[in-house]
Amino acid sequence: MPLFALICRDRPGHLQTRLDNRAAHLDHIEQSGVVAQAGPFLDGAGQMCGSLVILDVADRAAAETWAAGDPYAKAGLFDSVVIEEWKRVIG
């Protein structure tokens, strides 16, 4: 299956939204079974400010569906979400 990278940037000033929804977000990752890798972006102060999620799904539509179901997205955390097909070269 192809891989898709979700590049998500948080809305400024919404760290608490991230923290409030973190457990549900992590459960979504675990329960879906399609996340190859994931982790937060950090700002200069070491605070979480976005997410990178690599999905192993059938197509872009499946990646979009996963992204829309993410509790972070449902809570309005993200300022932007970009979905790109991604090719693993190393790792």
PDB file of N, CA and C in Angstrom:
ATOM      1  N   MET A   1       0.842  -1.185   0.000  1.00  0.00           N
ATOM      2  CA  MET A   1       0.000   0.000   0.000  1.00  0.00           C
ATOM      3  C   MET A   1       0.882   1.241   0.000  1.00  0.00           C
ATOM      4  N   PRO A   2       0.384   2.312  -0.557  1.00  0.00           N
ATOM      5  CA  PRO A   2       1.165   3.552  -0.527  1.00  0.00           C
ATOM      6  C   PRO A   2       1.167   4.169   0.870  1.00  0.00           C
ATOM      7  N   LEU A   3       2.134   5.025   1.086  1.00  0.00           N
ATOM      8  CA  LEU A   3       2.230   5.774   2.335  1.00  0.00           C
ATOM      9  C   LEU A   3       1.825   7.217   2.074  1.00  0.00           C
ATOM     10  N   PHE A   4       1.178   7.820   3.072  1.00  0.00           N
ATOM     11  CA  PHE A   4       0.781   9.218   2.990  1.00  0.00           C
ATOM     12  C   PHE A   4       1.241   9.936   4.248  1.00  0.00           C
ATOM     13  N   ALA A   5       1.828  11.118   4.053  1.00  0.00           N
ATOM     14  CA  ALA A   5       2.257  11.958   5.167  1.00  0.00           C
ATOM     15  C   ALA A   5       1.193  13.008   5.425  1.00  0.00           C
ATOM     16  N   LEU A   6       0.749  13.092   6.669  1.00  0.00           N
ATOM     17  CA  LEU A   6      -0.125  14.171   7.105  1.00  0.00           C
ATOM     18  C   LEU A   6       0.757  15.173   7.833  1.00  0.00           C
ATOM     19  N   ILE A   7       0.797  16.385   7.326  1.00  0.00           N
ATOM     20  CA  ILE A   7       1.598  17.451   7.916  1.00  0.00           C
ATOM     21  C   ILE A   7       0.609  18.459   8.481  1.00  0.00           C
ATOM     22  N   CYS A   8       0.490  18.465   9.791  1.00  0.00           N
ATOM     23  CA  CYS A   8      -0.552  19.248  10.465  1.00  0.00           C
ATOM     24  C   CYS A   8       0.088  20.333  11.320  1.00  0.00           C
ATOM     25  N   ARG A   9      -0.384  21.550  11.164  1.00  0.00           N
ATOM     26  CA  ARG A   9       0.095  22.689  11.957  1.00  0.00           C
ATOM     27  C   ARG A   9      -1.033  23.152  12.868  1.00  0.00           C
ATOM     28  N   ASP A  10      -0.711  23.288  14.156  1.00  0.00           N
ATOM     29  CA  ASP A  10      -1.712  23.714  15.129  1.00  0.00           C
ATOM     30  C   ASP A  10      -2.082  25.183  14.950  1.00  0.00           C
ATOM     31  N   ARG A  11      -3.300  25.512  15.327  1.00  0.00           N
ATOM     32  CA  ARG A  11      -3.704  26.912  15.389  1.00  0.00           C
ATOM     33  C   ARG A  11      -2.917  27.565  16.518  1.00  0.00           C
ATOM     34  N   PRO A  12      -2.409  28.753  16.304  1.00  0.00           N
ATOM     35  CA  PRO A  12      -1.645  29.436  17.359  1.00  0.00           C
ATOM     36  C   PRO A  12      -2.479  29.570  18.636  1.00  0.00           C
ATOM     37  N   GLY A  13      -1.820  29.349  19.771  1.00  0.00           N
ATOM     38  CA  GLY A  13      -2.479  29.507  21.059  1.00  0.00           C
ATOM     39  C   GLY A  13      -3.412  28.372  21.445  1.00  0.00           C
ATOM     40  N   HIS A  14      -3.300  27.221  20.794  1.00  0.00           N
ATOM     41  CA  HIS A  14      -4.217  26.112  21.070  1.00  0.00           C
ATOM     42  C   HIS A  14      -3.522  24.888  21.668  1.00  0.00           C
ATOM     43  N   LEU A  15      -2.448  25.106  22.412  1.00  0.00           N
ATOM     44  CA  LEU A  15      -1.767  23.986  23.065  1.00  0.00           C
ATOM     45  C   LEU A  15      -2.722  23.236  23.994  1.00  0.00           C
ATOM     46  N   GLN A  16      -3.583  23.957  24.713  1.00  0.00           N
ATOM     47  CA  GLN A  16      -4.498  23.288  25.639  1.00  0.00           C
ATOM     48  C   GLN A  16      -5.476  22.380  24.899  1.00  0.00           C
ATOM     49  N   THR A  17      -5.905  22.776  23.705  1.00  0.00           N
ATOM     50  CA  THR A  17      -6.772  21.912  22.890  1.00  0.00           C
ATOM     51  C   THR A  17      -6.051  20.609  22.581  1.00  0.00           C
ATOM     52  N   ARG A  18      -4.774  20.712  22.245  1.00  0.00           N
ATOM     53  CA  ARG A  18      -3.960  19.523  21.978  1.00  0.00           C
ATOM     54  C   ARG A  18      -3.882  18.641  23.220  1.00  0.00           C
ATOM     55  N   LEU A  19      -3.573  19.250  24.351  1.00  0.00           N
ATOM     56  CA  LEU A  19      -3.426  18.484  25.587  1.00  0.00           C
ATOM     57  C   LEU A  19      -4.745  17.825  25.998  1.00  0.00           C
ATOM     58  N   ASP A  20      -5.847  18.555  25.842  1.00  0.00           N
ATOM     59  CA  ASP A  20      -7.160  18.026  26.230  1.00  0.00           C
ATOM     60  C   ASP A  20      -7.588  16.834  25.374  1.00  0.00           C
ATOM     61  N   ASN A  21      -7.107  16.755  24.145  1.00  0.00           N
ATOM     62  CA  ASN A  21      -7.533  15.706  23.210  1.00  0.00           C
ATOM     63  C   ASN A  21      -6.455  14.670  22.922  1.00  0.00           C
ATOM     64  N   ARG A  22      -5.329  14.766  23.612  1.00  0.00           N
ATOM     65  CA  ARG A  22      -4.183  13.901  23.330  1.00  0.00           C
ATOM     66  C   ARG A  22      -4.507  12.412  23.531  1.00  0.00           C
ATOM     67  N   ALA A  23      -5.150  12.061  24.616  1.00  0.00           N
ATOM     68  CA  ALA A  23      -5.445  10.643  24.879  1.00  0.00           C
ATOM     69  C   ALA A  23      -6.342  10.062  23.785  1.00  0.00           C
ATOM     70  N   ALA A  24      -7.355  10.808  23.369  1.00  0.00           N
ATOM     71  CA  ALA A  24      -8.248  10.333  22.308  1.00  0.00           C
ATOM     72  C   ALA A  24      -7.504  10.225  20.979  1.00  0.00           C
ATOM     73  N   HIS A  25      -6.610  11.178  20.709  1.00  0.00           N
ATOM     74  CA  HIS A  25      -5.796  11.151  19.489  1.00  0.00           C
ATOM     75  C   HIS A  25      -4.912   9.903  19.472  1.00  0.00           C
ATOM     76  N   LEU A  26      -4.240   9.628  20.579  1.00  0.00           N
ATOM     77  CA  LEU A  26      -3.369   8.454  20.653  1.00  0.00           C
ATOM     78  C   LEU A  26      -4.171   7.160  20.531  1.00  0.00           C
ATOM     79  N   ASP A  27      -5.376   7.132  21.085  1.00  0.00           N
ATOM     80  CA  ASP A  27      -6.244   5.965  20.945  1.00  0.00           C
ATOM     81  C   ASP A  27      -6.655   5.780  19.482  1.00  0.00           C
ATOM     82  N   HIS A  28      -6.955   6.878  18.798  1.00  0.00           N
ATOM     83  CA  HIS A  28      -7.303   6.832  17.368  1.00  0.00           C
ATOM     84  C   HIS A  28      -6.149   6.229  16.569  1.00  0.00           C
ATOM     85  N   ILE A  29      -4.931   6.644  16.887  1.00  0.00           N
ATOM     86  CA  ILE A  29      -3.745   6.106  16.214  1.00  0.00           C
ATOM     87  C   ILE A  29      -3.641   4.602  16.450  1.00  0.00           C
ATOM     88  N   GLU A  30      -3.745   4.207  17.710  1.00  0.00           N
ATOM     89  CA  GLU A  30      -3.579   2.792  18.059  1.00  0.00           C
ATOM     90  C   GLU A  30      -4.686   1.923  17.467  1.00  0.00           C
ATOM     91  N   GLN A  31      -5.917   2.372  17.576  1.00  0.00           N
ATOM     92  CA  GLN A  31      -7.057   1.570  17.130  1.00  0.00           C
ATOM     93  C   GLN A  31      -7.141   1.441  15.611  1.00  0.00           C
ATOM     94  N   SER A  32      -6.642   2.434  14.878  1.00  0.00           N
ATOM     95  CA  SER A  32      -6.778   2.413  13.417  1.00  0.00           C
ATOM     96  C   SER A  32      -5.898   1.351  12.766  1.00  0.00           C
ATOM     97  N   GLY A  33      -4.727   1.095  13.341  1.00  0.00           N
ATOM     98  CA  GLY A  33      -3.822   0.093  12.791  1.00  0.00           C
ATOM     99  C   GLY A  33      -3.160   0.469  11.481  1.00  0.00           C
ATOM    100  N   VAL A  34      -3.218   1.741  11.087  1.00  0.00           N
ATOM    101  CA  VAL A  34      -2.650   2.154   9.802  1.00  0.00           C
ATOM    102  C   VAL A  34      -1.533   3.188   9.941  1.00  0.00           C
ATOM    103  N   VAL A  35      -1.167   3.535  11.161  1.00  0.00           N
ATOM    104  CA  VAL A  35      -0.138   4.557  11.370  1.00  0.00           C
ATOM    105  C   VAL A  35       1.232   3.886  11.424  1.00  0.00           C
ATOM    106  N   ALA A  36       2.079   4.232  10.452  1.00  0.00           N
ATOM    107  CA  ALA A  36       3.428   3.667  10.384  1.00  0.00           C
ATOM    108  C   ALA A  36       4.370   4.394  11.333  1.00  0.00           C
ATOM    109  N   GLN A  37       4.235   5.708  11.409  1.00  0.00           N
ATOM    110  CA  GLN A  37       5.041   6.540  12.306  1.00  0.00           C
ATOM    111  C   GLN A  37       4.252   7.797  12.602  1.00  0.00           C
ATOM    112  N   ALA A  38       4.536   8.409  13.749  1.00  0.00           N
ATOM    113  CA  ALA A  38       3.844   9.657  14.092  1.00  0.00           C
ATOM    114  C   ALA A  38       4.585  10.354  15.214  1.00  0.00           C
ATOM    115  N   GLY A  39       4.406  11.652  15.276  1.00  0.00           N
ATOM    116  CA  GLY A  39       4.964  12.429  16.367  1.00  0.00           C
ATOM    117  C   GLY A  39       4.683  13.903  16.174  1.00  0.00           C
ATOM    118  N   PRO A  40       4.857  14.673  17.260  1.00  0.00           N
ATOM    119  CA  PRO A  40       4.569  16.099  17.189  1.00  0.00           C
ATOM    120  C   PRO A  40       5.753  16.909  16.672  1.00  0.00           C
ATOM    121  N   PHE A  41       5.427  18.043  16.051  1.00  0.00           N
ATOM    122  CA  PHE A  41       6.430  19.071  15.789  1.00  0.00           C
ATOM    123  C   PHE A  41       6.581  19.874  17.070  1.00  0.00           C
ATOM    124  N   LEU A  42       7.777  20.411  17.298  1.00  0.00           N
ATOM    125  CA  LEU A  42       8.036  21.230  18.482  1.00  0.00           C
ATOM    126  C   LEU A  42       8.451  22.627  18.065  1.00  0.00           C
ATOM    127  N   ASP A  43       8.017  23.620  18.840  1.00  0.00           N
ATOM    128  CA  ASP A  43       8.443  24.987  18.567  1.00  0.00           C
ATOM    129  C   ASP A  43       9.781  25.245  19.257  1.00  0.00           C
ATOM    130  N   GLY A  44      10.274  26.464  19.182  1.00  0.00           N
ATOM    131  CA  GLY A  44      11.569  26.813  19.758  1.00  0.00           C
ATOM    132  C   GLY A  44      11.652  26.635  21.260  1.00  0.00           C
ATOM    133  N   ALA A  45      10.496  26.609  21.926  1.00  0.00           N
ATOM    134  CA  ALA A  45      10.451  26.417  23.377  1.00  0.00           C
ATOM    135  C   ALA A  45      10.221  24.955  23.754  1.00  0.00           C
ATOM    136  N   GLY A  46      10.170  24.072  22.752  1.00  0.00           N
ATOM    137  CA  GLY A  46       9.957  22.655  23.024  1.00  0.00           C
ATOM    138  C   GLY A  46       8.504  22.269  23.216  1.00  0.00           C
ATOM    139  N   GLN A  47       7.571  23.175  22.911  1.00  0.00           N
ATOM    140  CA  GLN A  47       6.144  22.891  23.033  1.00  0.00           C
ATOM    141  C   GLN A  47       5.616  22.277  21.734  1.00  0.00           C
ATOM    142  N   MET A  48       4.678  21.354  21.856  1.00  0.00           N
ATOM    143  CA  MET A  48       4.072  20.741  20.678  1.00  0.00           C
ATOM    144  C   MET A  48       3.297  21.801  19.890  1.00  0.00           C
ATOM    145  N   CYS A  49       3.484  21.787  18.567  1.00  0.00           N
ATOM    146  CA  CYS A  49       2.840  22.812  17.731  1.00  0.00           C
ATOM    147  C   CYS A  49       2.317  22.247  16.413  1.00  0.00           C
ATOM    148  N   GLY A  50       2.301  20.948  16.267  1.00  0.00           N
ATOM    149  CA  GLY A  50       1.827  20.322  15.039  1.00  0.00           C
ATOM    150  C   GLY A  50       2.099  18.835  15.090  1.00  0.00           C
ATOM    151  N   SER A  51       1.758  18.155  14.012  1.00  0.00           N
ATOM    152  CA  SER A  51       1.913  16.701  13.966  1.00  0.00           C
ATOM    153  C   SER A  51       2.379  16.251  12.593  1.00  0.00           C
ATOM    154  N   LEU A  52       3.173  15.192  12.596  1.00  0.00           N
ATOM    155  CA  LEU A  52       3.514  14.464  11.382  1.00  0.00           C
ATOM    156  C   LEU A  52       3.027  13.038  11.589  1.00  0.00           C
ATOM    157  N   VAL A  53       2.164  12.579  10.694  1.00  0.00           N
ATOM    158  CA  VAL A  53       1.622  11.227  10.785  1.00  0.00           C
ATOM    159  C   VAL A  53       1.834  10.556   9.436  1.00  0.00           C
ATOM    160  N   ILE A  54       2.481   9.398   9.444  1.00  0.00           N
ATOM    161  CA  ILE A  54       2.682   8.618   8.225  1.00  0.00           C
ATOM    162  C   ILE A  54       1.674   7.473   8.242  1.00  0.00           C
ATOM    163  N   LEU A  55       0.788   7.472   7.247  1.00  0.00           N
ATOM    164  CA  LEU A  55      -0.271   6.467   7.159  1.00  0.00           C
ATOM    165  C   LEU A  55       0.037   5.450   6.073  1.00  0.00           C
ATOM    166  N   ASP A  56      -0.228   4.192   6.353  1.00  0.00           N
ATOM    167  CA  ASP A  56      -0.106   3.100   5.387  1.00  0.00           C
ATOM    168  C   ASP A  56      -1.528   2.694   5.009  1.00  0.00           C
ATOM    169  N   VAL A  57      -2.064   3.375   3.990  1.00  0.00           N
ATOM    170  CA  VAL A  57      -3.461   3.184   3.591  1.00  0.00           C
ATOM    171  C   VAL A  57      -3.557   2.979   2.079  1.00  0.00           C
ATOM    172  N   ALA A  58      -4.719   2.574   1.618  1.00  0.00           N
ATOM    173  CA  ALA A  58      -4.904   2.205   0.213  1.00  0.00           C
ATOM    174  C   ALA A  58      -4.777   3.376  -0.754  1.00  0.00           C
ATOM    175  N   ASP A  59      -5.248   4.558  -0.334  1.00  0.00           N
ATOM    176  CA  ASP A  59      -5.264   5.683  -1.265  1.00  0.00           C
ATOM    177  C   ASP A  59      -5.456   7.002  -0.510  1.00  0.00           C
ATOM    178  N   ARG A  60      -5.416   8.095  -1.264  1.00  0.00           N
ATOM    179  CA  ARG A  60      -5.562   9.430  -0.671  1.00  0.00           C
ATOM    180  C   ARG A  60      -6.907   9.575   0.044  1.00  0.00           C
ATOM    181  N   ALA A  61      -7.965   9.007  -0.522  1.00  0.00           N
ATOM    182  CA  ALA A  61      -9.282   9.102   0.109  1.00  0.00           C
ATOM    183  C   ALA A  61      -9.261   8.485   1.506  1.00  0.00           C
ATOM    184  N   ALA A  62      -8.574   7.362   1.663  1.00  0.00           N
ATOM    185  CA  ALA A  62      -8.464   6.726   2.982  1.00  0.00           C
ATOM    186  C   ALA A  62      -7.669   7.605   3.939  1.00  0.00           C
ATOM    187  N   ALA A  63      -6.628   8.257   3.444  1.00  0.00           N
ATOM    188  CA  ALA A  63      -5.847   9.179   4.279  1.00  0.00           C
ATOM    189  C   ALA A  63      -6.710  10.358   4.713  1.00  0.00           C
ATOM    190  N   GLU A  64      -7.506  10.888   3.798  1.00  0.00           N
ATOM    191  CA  GLU A  64      -8.392  12.009   4.124  1.00  0.00           C
ATOM    192  C   GLU A  64      -9.439  11.603   5.158  1.00  0.00           C
ATOM    193  N   THR A  65      -9.971  10.401   5.016  1.00  0.00           N
ATOM    194  CA  THR A  65     -10.957   9.898   5.976  1.00  0.00           C
ATOM    195  C   THR A  65     -10.331   9.739   7.353  1.00  0.00           C
ATOM    196  N   TRP A  66      -9.112   9.183   7.410  1.00  0.00           N
ATOM    197  CA  TRP A  66      -8.428   9.024   8.691  1.00  0.00           C
ATOM    198  C   TRP A  66      -8.202  10.394   9.329  1.00  0.00           C
ATOM    199  N   ALA A  67      -7.722  11.339   8.539  1.00  0.00           N
ATOM    200  CA  ALA A  67      -7.428  12.681   9.054  1.00  0.00           C
ATOM    201  C   ALA A  67      -8.689  13.355   9.591  1.00  0.00           C
ATOM    202  N   ALA A  68      -9.795  13.216   8.889  1.00  0.00           N
ATOM    203  CA  ALA A  68     -11.047  13.841   9.321  1.00  0.00           C
ATOM    204  C   ALA A  68     -11.569  13.233  10.618  1.00  0.00           C
ATOM    205  N   GLY A  69     -11.249  11.959  10.863  1.00  0.00           N
ATOM    206  CA  GLY A  69     -11.696  11.286  12.072  1.00  0.00           C
ATOM    207  C   GLY A  69     -10.788  11.472  13.270  1.00  0.00           C
ATOM    208  N   ASP A  70      -9.651  12.099  13.074  1.00  0.00           N
ATOM    209  CA  ASP A  70      -8.701  12.328  14.168  1.00  0.00           C
ATOM    210  C   ASP A  70      -9.329  13.274  15.197  1.00  0.00           C
ATOM    211  N   PRO A  71      -9.331  12.898  16.472  1.00  0.00           N
ATOM    212  CA  PRO A  71      -9.888  13.779  17.494  1.00  0.00           C
ATOM    213  C   PRO A  71      -9.281  15.186  17.502  1.00  0.00           C
ATOM    214  N   TYR A  72      -8.016  15.320  17.155  1.00  0.00           N
ATOM    215  CA  TYR A  72      -7.430  16.661  17.057  1.00  0.00           C
ATOM    216  C   TYR A  72      -8.157  17.480  16.000  1.00  0.00           C
ATOM    217  N   ALA A  73      -8.405  16.884  14.842  1.00  0.00           N
ATOM    218  CA  ALA A  73      -9.110  17.598  13.773  1.00  0.00           C
ATOM    219  C   ALA A  73     -10.535  17.928  14.205  1.00  0.00           C
ATOM    220  N   LYS A  74     -11.207  16.981  14.824  1.00  0.00           N
ATOM    221  CA  LYS A  74     -12.584  17.205  15.276  1.00  0.00           C
ATOM    222  C   LYS A  74     -12.664  18.322  16.311  1.00  0.00           C
ATOM    223  N   ALA A  75     -11.598  18.502  17.098  1.00  0.00           N
ATOM    224  CA  ALA A  75     -11.563  19.548  18.125  1.00  0.00           C
ATOM    225  C   ALA A  75     -11.164  20.909  17.553  1.00  0.00           C
ATOM    226  N   GLY A  76     -10.852  20.958  16.261  1.00  0.00           N
ATOM    227  CA  GLY A  76     -10.473  22.228  15.642  1.00  0.00           C
ATOM    228  C   GLY A  76      -9.057  22.667  15.945  1.00  0.00           C
ATOM    229  N   LEU A  77      -8.179  21.721  16.272  1.00  0.00           N
ATOM    230  CA  LEU A  77      -6.806  22.064  16.638  1.00  0.00           C
ATOM    231  C   LEU A  77      -6.000  22.620  15.475  1.00  0.00           C
ATOM    232  N   PHE A  78      -6.187  22.086  14.298  1.00  0.00           N
ATOM    233  CA  PHE A  78      -5.258  22.380  13.207  1.00  0.00           C
ATOM    234  C   PHE A  78      -5.611  23.642  12.426  1.00  0.00           C
ATOM    235  N   ASP A  79      -4.573  24.419  12.166  1.00  0.00           N
ATOM    236  CA  ASP A  79      -4.653  25.582  11.290  1.00  0.00           C
ATOM    237  C   ASP A  79      -4.570  25.129   9.837  1.00  0.00           C
ATOM    238  N   SER A  80      -3.770  24.081   9.603  1.00  0.00           N
ATOM    239  CA  SER A  80      -3.634  23.538   8.253  1.00  0.00           C
ATOM    240  C   SER A  80      -3.293  22.058   8.320  1.00  0.00           C
ATOM    241  N   VAL A  81      -3.746  21.336   7.304  1.00  0.00           N
ATOM    242  CA  VAL A  81      -3.418  19.917   7.144  1.00  0.00           C
ATOM    243  C   VAL A  81      -3.090  19.701   5.672  1.00  0.00           C
ATOM    244  N   VAL A  82      -1.892  19.200   5.418  1.00  0.00           N
ATOM    245  CA  VAL A  82      -1.461  18.868   4.065  1.00  0.00           C
ATOM    246  C   VAL A  82      -1.264  17.361   4.017  1.00  0.00           C
ATOM    247  N   ILE A  83      -1.797  16.727   2.986  1.00  0.00           N
ATOM    248  CA  ILE A  83      -1.633  15.287   2.798  1.00  0.00           C
ATOM    249  C   ILE A  83      -0.845  15.080   1.518  1.00  0.00           C
ATOM    250  N   GLU A  84       0.295  14.398   1.657  1.00  0.00           N
ATOM    251  CA  GLU A  84       1.173  14.129   0.514  1.00  0.00           C
ATOM    252  C   GLU A  84       1.481  12.639   0.450  1.00  0.00           C
ATOM    253  N   GLU A  85       1.441  12.071  -0.761  1.00  0.00           N
ATOM    254  CA  GLU A  85       1.928  10.700  -0.894  1.00  0.00           C
ATOM    255  C   GLU A  85       3.424  10.723  -0.615  1.00  0.00           C
ATOM    256  N   TRP A  86       3.912   9.708   0.092  1.00  0.00           N
ATOM    257  CA  TRP A  86       5.287   9.714   0.576  1.00  0.00           C
ATOM    258  C   TRP A  86       5.944   8.380   0.248  1.00  0.00           C
ATOM    259  N   LYS A  87       7.204   8.435  -0.134  1.00  0.00           N
ATOM    260  CA  LYS A  87       7.962   7.223  -0.447  1.00  0.00           C
ATOM    261  C   LYS A  87       9.066   7.041   0.587  1.00  0.00           C
ATOM    262  N   ARG A  88       9.049   5.902   1.267  1.00  0.00           N
ATOM    263  CA  ARG A  88      10.101   5.578   2.235  1.00  0.00           C
ATOM    264  C   ARG A  88      11.344   5.158   1.453  1.00  0.00           C
ATOM    265  N   VAL A  89      12.470   5.792   1.758  1.00  0.00           N
ATOM    266  CA  VAL A  89      13.741   5.449   1.125  1.00  0.00           C
ATOM    267  C   VAL A  89      14.679   4.826   2.157  1.00  0.00           C
ATOM    268  N   ILE A  90      14.699   5.381   3.351  1.00  0.00           N
ATOM    269  CA  ILE A  90      15.556   4.880   4.427  1.00  0.00           C
ATOM    270  C   ILE A  90      14.673   4.615   5.636  1.00  0.00           C
ATOM    271  N   GLY A  91      14.930   3.490   6.310  1.00  0.00           N
ATOM    272  CA  GLY A  91      14.218   3.209   7.542  1.00  0.00           C
ATOM    273  C   GLY A  91      13.169   2.207   7.457  1.00  0.00           C
TER     274      GLY A  91
END
